[in-house]
Protein backbone atom coordinates (compact mmCIF):
# COMPACT_ATOMS: atom_id res chain seq x y z
CA MET A 1 24.12 1.36 -17.97
CA LYS A 2 20.84 -0.40 -18.68
CA SER A 3 18.76 2.40 -17.15
CA PHE A 4 20.79 4.99 -19.07
CA ALA A 5 20.17 3.15 -22.34
CA ILE A 6 16.43 3.04 -21.67
CA GLN A 7 16.44 6.74 -20.77
CA GLN A 8 18.18 7.56 -24.04
CA GLN A 9 15.68 5.46 -25.98
CA ALA A 10 12.73 7.03 -24.19
CA THR A 11 13.89 10.60 -24.68
CA VAL A 12 15.49 10.57 -28.10
CA ASN A 13 12.55 8.68 -29.63
CA ALA A 14 9.89 10.81 -27.96
CA ASP A 15 8.01 11.33 -31.22
CA ALA A 16 8.00 7.67 -32.23
CA GLY A 17 4.63 7.09 -30.55
CA SER A 18 3.13 8.50 -27.38
CA TRP A 19 2.14 5.15 -25.85
CA ALA A 20 5.43 3.43 -26.71
CA HIS A 21 7.29 6.40 -25.31
CA PHE A 22 5.15 6.40 -22.16
CA TRP A 23 5.87 2.74 -21.39
CA LEU A 24 9.58 3.28 -21.98
CA LEU A 25 9.43 5.99 -19.31
CA VAL A 26 7.58 3.60 -16.99
CA ARG A 27 10.25 0.98 -17.52
CA TRP A 28 12.97 3.54 -16.87
CA HIS A 29 11.34 4.64 -13.59
CA LEU A 30 11.05 1.00 -12.51
CA LEU A 31 14.75 0.47 -13.14
CA LEU A 32 15.57 3.59 -11.13
CA ILE A 33 13.46 2.33 -8.21
CA GLN A 34 15.27 -1.02 -8.26
CA LYS A 35 18.65 0.64 -8.59
CA ARG A 36 18.32 3.00 -5.65
CA LYS A 37 18.83 1.90 -2.07
CA THR A 38 15.29 2.87 -1.12
CA GLY A 39 13.95 0.29 -3.54
CA LYS A 40 15.89 -2.36 -1.66
CA VAL A 41 15.65 -1.20 1.96
CA ILE A 42 11.85 -0.72 2.06
CA PRO A 43 11.08 -4.19 0.64
CA GLY A 44 13.53 -5.65 3.13
CA CYS A 45 11.79 -3.87 6.00
CA LEU A 46 8.36 -5.04 4.83
CA LEU A 47 9.60 -8.59 4.45
CA GLY A 48 11.06 -8.46 7.96
CA VAL A 49 7.86 -7.05 9.48
CA VAL A 50 5.80 -9.77 7.83
CA GLY A 51 8.33 -12.61 7.94
CA MET A 52 9.20 -12.61 11.64
CA PRO A 53 5.71 -13.34 13.03
CA VAL A 54 5.00 -15.73 10.15
CA LEU A 55 8.13 -17.79 10.87
CA ILE A 56 7.40 -17.77 14.61
CA ILE A 57 3.87 -19.09 14.02
CA ILE A 58 5.10 -21.77 11.62
CA LEU A 59 7.86 -22.94 13.98
CA ALA A 60 5.43 -22.96 16.92
CA GLN A 61 3.10 -25.22 14.95
CA LEU A 62 5.84 -27.53 13.72
CA LEU A 63 7.38 -27.94 17.19
CA ASN A 64 4.09 -28.29 19.03
CA PRO A 65 3.32 -31.96 19.76
CA VAL A 66 -0.40 -31.12 19.90
CA VAL A 67 -0.52 -30.94 16.11
CA ARG A 68 0.02 -34.70 15.92
CA THR A 69 -3.34 -35.21 17.60
CA GLY A 70 -5.12 -33.13 14.98
CA ASN A 71 -6.04 -30.50 17.60
CA HIS A 72 -4.66 -27.42 15.87
CA ILE A 73 -5.82 -24.16 14.37
CA ALA A 74 -6.17 -23.46 10.65
CA ILE A 75 -2.67 -22.18 9.98
CA LEU A 76 -3.08 -20.45 6.61
CA PRO A 77 -5.89 -18.06 7.66
CA LEU A 78 -3.86 -17.11 10.74
CA LEU A 79 -0.72 -16.43 8.68
CA MET A 80 -2.71 -14.35 6.23
CA TRP A 81 -4.28 -12.42 9.09
CA PHE A 82 -0.81 -11.48 10.39
CA THR A 83 0.31 -10.58 6.87
CA ASN A 84 -2.75 -8.40 6.41
CA PHE A 85 -2.24 -6.72 9.76
CA ALA A 86 1.50 -6.09 9.31
CA LEU A 87 1.13 -4.63 5.81
CA PHE A 88 -1.94 -2.66 6.81
CA LEU A 89 -0.25 -1.09 9.84
CA PHE A 90 3.43 -0.75 8.90
CA GLY A 91 3.18 -0.90 5.12
CA SER A 92 1.41 2.48 4.96
CA ILE A 93 4.32 4.22 6.70
CA LEU A 94 7.03 2.43 4.74
CA ILE A 95 5.38 2.83 1.33
CA ALA A 96 4.65 6.53 1.96
CA THR A 97 8.28 7.04 2.99
CA MET A 98 9.56 5.22 -0.09
CA THR A 99 7.33 7.30 -2.37
CA CYS A 100 8.53 10.57 -0.83
CA ILE A 101 12.18 9.58 -1.21
CA LEU A 102 11.82 8.40 -4.81
CA VAL A 103 9.77 11.40 -5.97
CA GLY A 104 11.80 13.93 -3.99
CA SER A 105 15.06 12.61 -5.42
CA GLU A 106 13.76 13.31 -8.92
CA TYR A 107 13.58 16.98 -8.03
CA SER A 108 16.89 17.14 -6.16
CA LEU A 109 18.79 15.29 -8.89
CA GLY A 110 17.16 17.28 -11.70
CA THR A 111 15.85 14.17 -13.43
CA PHE A 112 12.52 15.78 -14.26
CA ARG A 113 14.17 18.73 -16.02
CA GLN A 114 16.45 16.37 -17.90
CA MET A 115 13.52 14.33 -19.19
CA LEU A 116 11.59 17.42 -20.26
CA THR A 117 14.54 18.89 -22.17
CA ARG A 118 14.81 15.64 -24.16
CA GLY A 119 11.31 15.67 -25.55
CA ALA A 120 9.07 14.08 -22.91
CA SER A 121 5.92 15.95 -21.95
CA ARG A 122 5.16 16.80 -18.35
CA SER A 123 2.08 14.59 -18.28
CA GLN A 124 4.09 11.64 -19.62
CA VAL A 125 6.81 12.09 -17.01
CA LEU A 126 4.37 12.49 -14.12
CA PHE A 127 1.98 9.66 -14.97
CA SER A 128 4.78 7.28 -15.95
CA GLN A 129 6.19 7.70 -12.45
CA VAL A 130 2.74 7.12 -10.93
CA VAL A 131 2.29 3.94 -12.97
CA ALA A 132 5.81 2.74 -12.15
CA LEU A 133 5.26 3.22 -8.40
CA THR A 134 1.89 1.45 -8.64
CA LEU A 135 3.38 -1.53 -10.48
CA TYR A 136 6.28 -1.72 -8.04
CA ILE A 137 4.02 -1.66 -4.97
CA LEU A 138 1.70 -4.29 -6.45
CA ALA A 139 4.66 -6.51 -7.40
CA LEU A 140 6.08 -6.18 -3.89
CA MET A 141 2.76 -7.06 -2.28
CA THR A 142 2.19 -9.96 -4.65
CA SER A 143 5.60 -11.42 -3.78
CA ILE A 144 4.92 -11.18 -0.04
CA PHE A 145 1.43 -12.67 -0.27
CA LEU A 146 2.61 -15.52 -2.52
CA LEU A 147 5.52 -16.30 -0.19
CA VAL A 148 3.25 -16.46 2.86
CA ALA A 149 0.64 -18.48 0.94
CA VAL A 150 3.24 -21.06 -0.13
CA LEU A 151 4.73 -21.36 3.37
CA GLY A 152 1.27 -21.58 4.92
CA SER A 153 0.10 -24.22 2.46
CA LEU A 154 3.20 -26.38 3.00
CA THR A 155 2.87 -26.08 6.77
CA SER A 156 -0.83 -26.94 6.58
CA LEU A 157 -0.01 -30.00 4.49
CA TYR A 158 2.62 -31.12 7.01
CA ILE A 159 0.26 -30.87 10.01
CA HIS A 160 -2.63 -32.43 8.05
CA ASP A 161 -4.68 -29.23 8.05
CA TYR A 162 -6.52 -29.25 4.73
CA SER A 163 -8.39 -25.98 5.17
CA TYR A 164 -6.03 -24.44 2.62
CA LEU A 165 -7.88 -26.38 -0.08
CA SER A 166 -11.03 -24.32 0.44
CA PRO A 167 -11.90 -22.08 -2.54
CA VAL A 168 -13.64 -19.68 -0.16
CA LEU A 169 -10.41 -19.22 1.81
CA TRP A 170 -8.46 -18.34 -1.34
CA ARG A 171 -11.20 -15.94 -2.39
CA ASN A 172 -10.90 -14.19 0.97
CA ILE A 173 -7.11 -14.11 0.67
CA GLY A 174 -7.50 -12.44 -2.71
CA LEU A 175 -9.86 -9.87 -1.22
CA SER A 176 -7.40 -9.29 1.60
CA PHE A 177 -4.70 -8.58 -0.98
CA VAL A 178 -6.97 -6.09 -2.76
CA THR A 179 -7.93 -4.16 0.39
CA VAL A 180 -4.33 -3.88 1.60
CA ALA A 181 -3.22 -2.82 -1.90
CA VAL A 182 -5.90 -0.12 -1.92
CA ARG A 183 -4.64 1.26 1.39
CA LEU A 184 -0.96 1.26 0.40
CA LEU A 185 -1.67 2.83 -2.98
CA LEU A 186 -3.85 5.50 -1.38
CA PHE A 187 -1.09 6.49 1.03
CA ALA A 188 1.41 6.39 -1.83
CA CYS A 189 -0.82 8.88 -3.68
CA LEU A 190 -0.95 11.08 -0.59
CA ALA A 191 2.85 10.97 -0.26
CA PHE A 192 3.21 11.68 -3.99
CA PHE A 193 0.98 14.74 -3.63
CA LEU A 194 2.82 16.10 -0.56
CA THR A 195 6.22 15.65 -2.19
CA THR A 196 5.04 17.26 -5.43
CA VAL A 197 3.70 20.25 -3.50
CA SER A 198 6.87 20.73 -1.48
CA ARG A 199 9.40 19.35 -4.03
CA SER A 200 11.31 18.15 -0.98
CA THR A 201 11.92 14.62 0.30
CA VAL A 202 12.16 15.72 3.94
CA VAL A 203 9.02 17.85 3.84
CA GLY A 204 7.15 15.06 2.03
CA ILE A 205 8.10 12.45 4.63
CA ALA A 206 7.31 14.83 7.51
CA GLY A 207 3.95 15.62 5.93
CA ALA A 208 3.07 11.95 5.37
CA TRP A 209 4.05 10.91 8.88
CA GLY A 210 2.42 14.01 10.33
CA TYR A 211 -0.81 13.25 8.53
CA LEU A 212 -0.94 9.72 9.97
CA LEU A 213 -0.53 11.19 13.47
CA LEU A 214 -3.01 13.99 12.80
CA GLU A 215 -5.65 11.60 11.48
CA SER A 216 -5.37 9.51 14.63
CA ILE A 217 -5.82 12.61 16.80
CA VAL A 218 -8.73 13.95 14.74
CA THR A 219 -10.44 10.54 14.80
CA THR A 220 -10.17 10.38 18.58
CA ILE A 221 -11.59 13.90 18.92
CA LEU A 222 -14.48 13.28 16.52
CA LEU A 223 -15.44 9.99 18.13
CA GLY A 224 -15.26 11.69 21.52
CA MET A 225 -17.65 14.36 20.26
CA SER A 226 -20.09 11.83 18.82
CA MET A 227 -22.24 12.04 21.97
CA GLN A 228 -22.82 15.75 21.29
CA LEU A 229 -22.78 15.81 17.48
CA GLY A 230 -24.24 12.36 16.83
CA ARG A 231 -23.75 10.50 13.57
CA PRO A 232 -22.16 13.39 11.60
CA ALA A 233 -19.05 13.16 13.78
CA ILE A 234 -18.87 9.39 13.28
CA TYR A 235 -19.33 9.70 9.51
CA LEU A 236 -16.68 12.42 9.30
CA ALA A 237 -14.20 10.24 11.17
CA ALA A 238 -15.11 7.21 9.09
CA ILE A 239 -14.36 8.85 5.71
CA LEU A 240 -10.82 9.94 6.56
CA PRO A 241 -8.34 8.10 4.27
CA GLY A 242 -6.88 5.78 6.89
CA ASN A 243 -10.25 5.00 8.45
CA ILE A 244 -12.08 4.41 5.18
CA THR A 245 -9.49 1.84 4.14
CA THR A 246 -9.81 0.25 7.58
CA THR A 247 -13.55 -0.05 7.02
CA LEU A 248 -12.93 -1.75 3.69
CA ASN A 249 -10.45 -4.13 5.27
CA GLN A 250 -12.82 -5.06 8.11
CA TYR A 251 -15.11 -6.92 5.75
CA VAL A 252 -12.26 -9.14 4.61
CA ILE A 253 -10.82 -9.65 8.09
CA LEU A 254 -14.15 -11.00 9.32
CA MET A 255 -14.35 -13.36 6.35
CA LEU A 256 -10.74 -14.48 6.62
CA PHE A 257 -10.80 -14.91 10.39
CA PRO A 258 -14.51 -15.04 11.30
CA GLN A 259 -14.19 -15.66 15.05
CA GLY A 260 -15.79 -12.79 16.94
CA SER A 261 -13.35 -12.96 19.82
CA GLY A 262 -9.67 -13.38 20.45
CA ILE A 263 -7.22 -12.07 17.91
CA SER A 264 -9.85 -10.91 15.40
CA GLY A 265 -11.82 -9.10 18.03
CA THR A 266 -8.65 -7.42 19.33
CA PHE A 267 -7.87 -6.00 15.89
CA LEU A 268 -11.41 -4.79 15.26
CA ALA A 269 -11.83 -3.20 18.68
CA GLY A 270 -11.98 0.57 18.27
CA HIS A 271 -11.80 0.38 14.46
CA SER A 272 -15.44 -0.13 13.54
CA PHE A 273 -17.37 2.99 12.56
CA ASP A 274 -20.65 2.27 10.83
CA ALA A 275 -21.98 -0.67 8.86
CA SER A 276 -23.94 1.64 6.54
CA LEU A 277 -20.66 2.57 4.82
CA ASN A 278 -20.99 -0.27 2.35
CA TRP A 279 -18.62 -1.37 -0.39
CA PRO A 280 -19.79 0.98 -3.19
CA ILE A 281 -19.67 4.05 -0.95
CA VAL A 282 -16.28 3.13 0.47
CA LEU A 283 -14.78 2.49 -2.96
CA LEU A 284 -16.27 5.72 -4.30
CA ILE A 285 -14.73 7.76 -1.48
CA ILE A 286 -11.34 6.08 -1.92
CA GLY A 287 -11.50 6.73 -5.66
CA ALA A 288 -12.25 10.38 -4.97
CA TYR A 289 -9.15 10.63 -2.76
CA VAL A 290 -6.97 9.11 -5.48
CA VAL A 291 -8.35 11.41 -8.17
CA PHE A 292 -7.90 14.44 -5.92
CA THR A 293 -4.29 13.73 -4.93
CA ILE A 294 -3.10 12.73 -8.41
CA GLY A 295 -5.16 15.47 -10.07
CA CYS A 296 -3.72 18.18 -7.81
CA SER A 297 -0.22 16.77 -8.34
CA TYR A 298 -0.77 16.97 -12.11
CA VAL A 299 -2.01 20.57 -11.97
CA LEU A 300 0.92 21.69 -9.81
CA TYR A 301 3.49 19.78 -11.83
CA THR A 302 2.32 21.04 -15.22
CA ARG A 303 1.96 24.69 -14.20
CA ARG A 304 4.98 25.30 -12.01
CA ASN A 305 8.55 26.01 -12.96
CA LEU A 306 10.82 23.07 -12.10
CA ASP A 307 13.75 25.28 -11.14
CA ILE A 308 14.40 24.83 -7.43
């Protein structure tokens, strides 16, 4: 009933002010995401993927008698490393799937046509959904990071590990949040584009999952050809969406968990492409991907008939 009331307010009062109307549409899309099962299942899966290793690490530290001697690892950086890794690896798949389901259902249920017939413009409907998905993903990530940060800080306090008081550590945690958010939002944009092109949930999901597999295969081929082609093959592999976000995340991983061996080295093995791809270049390429996917989605959505 609440979402219906907001929809009525957003559509009937379409001429009351473009910005006010736009944010009403954003709010309505957020309520739809929360109302649907996908908006509950995906967060649960992400929480499970992150929560299980985090709880195991915390319990191992609390039950280990070695911690009483002060001979223990810095728990909060380790927990944040696992959170970063889990969201970075599994979050891309889950967020892309959620985006495909939510966007595809708008076509199958005729919600887009309903909004347009009640006074909303196509650009308002499209971009309000993009903003709503962005806010939802950021809120979900913020909740997970805050939960892990609180648990890690309390555990650190209990075992007398005061590394969590370091401002540098919290700066690195913030950077970790940003790099993971960039990756998830980029794959959400890709899923949004694929679903807009196909206007099908199934095709969108298949395309998003297929792209992740295809990128892995192409990366392997290009890196294997680097002996013959030299740096161009490495650069081409490095600027693919998944790899470019990995490059961005590497900087933070090394700051958050600076040891060059062990768990950090295991994660970085096979993922490093070229140090010359610095922050500005990486961010510029990622921005270009976002503009391309959302721009193409806008062109297709505004010029095609919505009848399926």
